[in-house]
Amino acid sequence: MVNDEIPTLTGPLEGSTTENNSEQHDRSRGKITGQQIRTVIVSSTGFFMDAYDIFVINLAVPMLGYVYYMDQNNTVPSNIQGIIKGITNVGNLIGQLVFGYLSDSKGRKSVYGIELLIIIMATVCSAMAGSAATGVGTLGFLGFWRLVLGIGIGGDYPMSATVSSEWSSAGRRGQMLALTFSMQGWVMAADNALARLIVDKFKCDSVHTHLPTYNRSQLKHGIVHLSVGNFHRSHLAYYMDVLANEHDQTEWGIIGVGVRSVDKPISTVLQAQDGMYTLISKGCNETDVDVRIIGSLIRYIFAPDAPEGALAVLMHPHTKIVSMTITVSGYDLDLKNVDIQHDLHHPQAPRTVFGFIVHALDGRRRANTAPFTVLSCDNVQQNGEVIKRCILKFAKALNNIELLDYIQTKVTFPNSMVDRITPATSDTDRQYVHLHCGIADGWPVVTEPFMQWVIEDSFCNGHPPLELLSNAPYNVLLTEHVEAYECMKMRLLNASHTAMCYLGYLMGYTYIHETILDKHIQSYIEHLMNDEVTPVLPAVPNVDLDAYKRTLIQRFSNPHMKDTLSRVCMDGASKFPKYLVPTIVEQLKRGVIPYMCALAIGSWIRYLGGKDESNRPIILSDVLATELKLHELASETRPSAIEMLSVRQVFGDLANDQRFAETVQNAVKLLYEEGSKATLEKWISGPRSSHK
């Protein structure tokens, strides 16, 4: 008969004589003793570290991607991830089997401690994997020591379990073992939390963010910009930020004015962010990233809600330049337009860019304040002359002779050429800024490293010290002659964009970089630039055109721009007259049929048909084409190139050239019958030009 007072216990550690009679009595009664608490703490801590050594690789792998796989989107290939993460578990199994056998055959006291030495050695060697010997891959070296580490951890598992078991009573053994082994669950939770915190911090540290070093409260609004979009924020606002940051220029802060109702979303974000935003420049390489917080936009006004406030800053003496980015179609001034008519009769509450500028100039004239310079930053050839004609046309409609004379004699409208590819902001861009930079920005801007600004030196009320930005990477040039640079940029860059976007869309691509990486598209664009555009370009001072064209292909190929074809396809009716028609006219004068230009027009006509090659509807975003009802003309079963080319607002007199019209018609026919890919292949393998 067994006495109830005699405990059923496993003994303490072999050879131990340290346990006192009181603790023995407590254990025998199933009570928790101080020794048992210490045992659980020690064993659980050891088990926690063992488990963490296994799961910590989930934290390390994303960081390894940023170091060793920058060219693969900072991601370790899945097959290598699997090996690195799984190899420790293989070692774990080996360790448990080997150390379990040794414990039984040699005795635990003889084996205990060896597994700890293995863990320490493997941990140190894993940390030194980056200095692997020549001929041994770093990740291979790491994988080997992760295997050894697993063997040590596998050996430590039975040791921790045995220690816990030996110091527990029969009534508490299950609880003590559960507490010890539950550490693996805590490790998994800790690993997930630490992975988010540490990896996010690592990503933030890998992308340096430049902050404004100037006092924004000291910036004066030397510039008011109408219709703030992404391009303005990557170009003019960036330049002014550089001048303030690096050259202590405080006279050229910017007040942004949203003129249209569609500007409401961005106005809400910029007002909430006090005008500040994140500008991310991304090159072709993953590491070519520059992040900058722009502070030059010191205030934003949504004009539909506060037209008087917008007029007030335009008339303020601090305002020396009024700039704008209103897109190509924004310069089509129609005096019969409802909003224009409103502005002609309500000078205190304008609705349009033209109304705000003219009425503000009139206010400055009456207040005897110096006028401001009107500066267009749109991709329009001779944009200064174009906006001047619009402003004078509006002013004449007011029948105010004094105002008209004031504008003609006092106000200047410099031409300018602007260049920096800047796509629309996506949710992916917002997530990138948040994850990689730790910044919550509602409307960040992603752009390319390249930038250029050529400006006619014609300012009526001073200008920023732009000569300080003449060198790379800023490439700002003040000159008396902008025309050659405008032609170069619009007939090479913008024309290439226009020529490839409709073909790329029909071929099923989404982004510009995907399109240009198609070997047939790239060949097509190279033929267009080299064979048709370059021969009729005016000479461009100090520019290597061959190098410039190679740079364009590289810029188009930048995979980090995510510049959508749908964006570039917008407003084709306003783009063709400015980007492609001048080249066509010059080539026809030389007696040459520009085949590549003809295909560009043909692909646009096919695009205007309203359905892609999979019979999915195409959403047209083209104000002028809609007004001219070109989509109706192009959606006919057999759209007529002659009829399309007869639309003089887009193509001028091109319909009068029968051979060119027939070439365009042939392109449209092939696109409908054989598809865009087959048509393109035939087109670039055929004659590149033909003399009449």
Foldseek 3Di string as FASTA:
>chain_A
DDDLQDFDAFAADPPDDPDDPVVVSCQRVQHDDPVLVVLLVVLLVLLLVLLLLLLLVVLVQLVVLVVPPQVPVSHDDPVLSCLQNCLLQVLLVLLQVVLVVCCVVVNPVVVPPPLVVQLVVLVVQLVVLVVDDPPQDSSNSNSVSSSSNSNSSSNVVVVSLVNSRNPHGPNCSVVSNCSNNCSSVVSVVVSVVCSQVVVLVVLQVLADEAEAPADLVQAADQEEEEADDQVCCQAVLVLVSCCCRPVVDRLHAYEYEYQAPVCVVVLVQCQVVQNKAWEWADAQGSSPIHIYIGSSHRYYYHQVVPVQVLLVVQLDLSHAEYEYEPELVLLPDDCVDPQLVVLLVCLNRHRHPLSSQLSSLVVNVVVVHQHHEYEYAYLFQQVLVSVLVSNLVSVVVNVDVVSSVCCVPRYGRKDKYWDWDWAADDVVNQVCCCRNNVDRGPGHTYTHQAIAMEIEPDGRRDDPPCVVQCDPPNNYHYDNDCRLVSLLCQQQQLLLLLLQLLLCVLVPDWAQLVRCVPVLSVLLSVLSVPVQRVVPRDDDPPDDSVVVNVVSSSRSNRPVNRHTSLVSNAASLSSQQRHPLVSQVVQVVVQKQQLSSLLSVLSNLQLLLQAHPVRHGDDHHHVVCVVVVSSVQSVDPQRQLLVVCPPCSRNNCVSVPPVNSVSSSVSNVCCVPPNSVVSSVVSSVDDRMDGD
